[in-house]
Amino acid sequence: MKQNVGILDTAIRSVLALIMLAIAFEGLYGTTASIILAVIGGALFYTSSFGVCYIYKLLGIDTYPNFKDDSYHPE
């Protein structure tokens, strides 16, 4: 599957995911809030790890660099 998450977007998602997961597993909030933070943090971590965001795909957004020689897209 072609990646659609750019480098800056990946960095921001990774930082947010780590913060959300840390807060969720620390248990600073109630159980429901911790579960929600863990799910959202896990989703952000997944999308930053693999470079594919299904919400972006549905909305037609692509922040991945588009080079002329396509050398940035691994096959």
C-alpha atoms as a PDB file:
ATOM      1  CA  MET A   1       0.000   0.000   0.000  1.00  0.00           C
ATOM      2  CA  LYS A   2       1.306   3.438  -0.918  1.00  0.00           C
ATOM      3  CA  GLN A   3       2.266   5.639   2.021  1.00  0.00           C
ATOM      4  CA  ASN A   4       0.319   8.871   2.455  1.00  0.00           C
ATOM      5  CA  VAL A   5       1.780  10.285   5.701  1.00  0.00           C
ATOM      6  CA  GLY A   6       4.706  12.702   5.354  1.00  0.00           C
ATOM      7  CA  ILE A   7       7.811  13.065   7.495  1.00  0.00           C
ATOM      8  CA  LEU A   8       6.639  16.015   9.609  1.00  0.00           C
ATOM      9  CA  ASP A   9       3.216  14.426  10.004  1.00  0.00           C
ATOM     10  CA  THR A  10       4.880  11.199  11.160  1.00  0.00           C
ATOM     11  CA  ALA A  11       6.974  13.031  13.750  1.00  0.00           C
ATOM     12  CA  ILE A  12       3.974  14.875  15.167  1.00  0.00           C
ATOM     13  CA  ARG A  13       1.897  11.675  15.286  1.00  0.00           C
ATOM     14  CA  SER A  14       4.714   9.796  17.036  1.00  0.00           C
ATOM     15  CA  VAL A  15       5.097  12.428  19.760  1.00  0.00           C
ATOM     16  CA  LEU A  16       1.343  12.687  20.309  1.00  0.00           C
ATOM     17  CA  ALA A  17       1.029   8.900  20.403  1.00  0.00           C
ATOM     18  CA  LEU A  18       3.727   8.550  23.030  1.00  0.00           C
ATOM     19  CA  ILE A  19       2.190  11.283  25.178  1.00  0.00           C
ATOM     20  CA  MET A  20      -1.301   9.771  24.930  1.00  0.00           C
ATOM     21  CA  LEU A  21      -0.094   6.253  25.649  1.00  0.00           C
ATOM     22  CA  ALA A  22       1.977   7.429  28.621  1.00  0.00           C
ATOM     23  CA  ILE A  23      -0.987   9.287  30.113  1.00  0.00           C
ATOM     24  CA  ALA A  24      -3.289   6.311  29.473  1.00  0.00           C
ATOM     25  CA  PHE A  25      -1.004   3.748  31.091  1.00  0.00           C
ATOM     26  CA  GLU A  26      -0.103   6.040  33.980  1.00  0.00           C
ATOM     27  CA  GLY A  27      -3.786   6.144  34.921  1.00  0.00           C
ATOM     28  CA  LEU A  28      -3.988   9.883  35.548  1.00  0.00           C
ATOM     29  CA  TYR A  29      -7.623   9.926  34.418  1.00  0.00           C
ATOM     30  CA  GLY A  30     -10.520   7.533  34.849  1.00  0.00           C
ATOM     31  CA  THR A  31     -10.799   4.147  33.181  1.00  0.00           C
ATOM     32  CA  THR A  32     -12.905   5.347  30.244  1.00  0.00           C
ATOM     33  CA  ALA A  33     -10.615   8.268  29.478  1.00  0.00           C
ATOM     34  CA  SER A  34      -7.552   6.027  29.740  1.00  0.00           C
ATOM     35  CA  ILE A  35      -9.039   3.518  27.305  1.00  0.00           C
ATOM     36  CA  ILE A  36      -9.912   6.282  24.830  1.00  0.00           C
ATOM     37  CA  LEU A  37      -6.409   7.766  25.105  1.00  0.00           C
ATOM     38  CA  ALA A  38      -4.848   4.325  24.640  1.00  0.00           C
ATOM     39  CA  VAL A  39      -6.931   3.592  21.520  1.00  0.00           C
ATOM     40  CA  ILE A  40      -6.228   6.981  19.931  1.00  0.00           C
ATOM     41  CA  GLY A  41      -2.544   6.799  20.898  1.00  0.00           C
ATOM     42  CA  GLY A  42      -2.290   3.286  19.475  1.00  0.00           C
ATOM     43  CA  ALA A  43      -3.909   4.373  16.217  1.00  0.00           C
ATOM     44  CA  LEU A  44      -1.532   7.324  15.915  1.00  0.00           C
ATOM     45  CA  PHE A  45       1.435   5.075  16.638  1.00  0.00           C
ATOM     46  CA  TYR A  46       0.259   2.581  13.998  1.00  0.00           C
ATOM     47  CA  THR A  47      -0.171   5.260  11.333  1.00  0.00           C
ATOM     48  CA  SER A  48       3.190   6.833  12.129  1.00  0.00           C
ATOM     49  CA  SER A  49       4.941   3.453  12.055  1.00  0.00           C
ATOM     50  CA  PHE A  50       3.575   2.302   8.708  1.00  0.00           C
ATOM     51  CA  GLY A  51       3.015   5.691   7.041  1.00  0.00           C
ATOM     52  CA  VAL A  52      -0.546   4.902   6.016  1.00  0.00           C
ATOM     53  CA  CYS A  53      -3.559   6.770   7.377  1.00  0.00           C
ATOM     54  CA  TYR A  54      -6.941   5.396   6.311  1.00  0.00           C
ATOM     55  CA  ILE A  55      -8.735   8.615   7.241  1.00  0.00           C
ATOM     56  CA  TYR A  56      -6.358  10.510   4.947  1.00  0.00           C
ATOM     57  CA  LYS A  57      -7.084   7.945   2.239  1.00  0.00           C
ATOM     58  CA  LEU A  58     -10.843   8.450   2.618  1.00  0.00           C
ATOM     59  CA  LEU A  59     -10.449  12.240   2.474  1.00  0.00           C
ATOM     60  CA  GLY A  60      -7.948  12.148  -0.401  1.00  0.00           C
ATOM     61  CA  ILE A  61      -5.144  13.761   1.625  1.00  0.00           C
ATOM     62  CA  ASP A  62      -1.526  12.862   0.881  1.00  0.00           C
ATOM     63  CA  THR A  63       1.289  14.556   2.832  1.00  0.00           C
ATOM     64  CA  TYR A  64       3.932  12.127   1.584  1.00  0.00           C
ATOM     65  CA  PRO A  65       6.558  13.820  -0.629  1.00  0.00           C
ATOM     66  CA  ASN A  66       5.990  13.374  -4.359  1.00  0.00           C
ATOM     67  CA  PHE A  67       9.374  13.270  -6.061  1.00  0.00           C
ATOM     68  CA  LYS A  68       9.628  13.207  -9.849  1.00  0.00           C
ATOM     69  CA  ASP A  69      11.808  10.081  -9.995  1.00  0.00           C
ATOM     70  CA  ASP A  70       9.711   8.319  -7.300  1.00  0.00           C
ATOM     71  CA  SER A  71      12.905   7.435  -5.421  1.00  0.00           C
ATOM     72  CA  TYR A  72      11.267   8.164  -2.062  1.00  0.00           C
ATOM     73  CA  HIS A  73       8.578   5.487  -2.479  1.00  0.00           C
ATOM     74  CA  PRO A  74      10.007   2.040  -1.685  1.00  0.00           C
ATOM     75  CA  GLU A  75       8.454  -0.774  -3.687  1.00  0.00           C
END
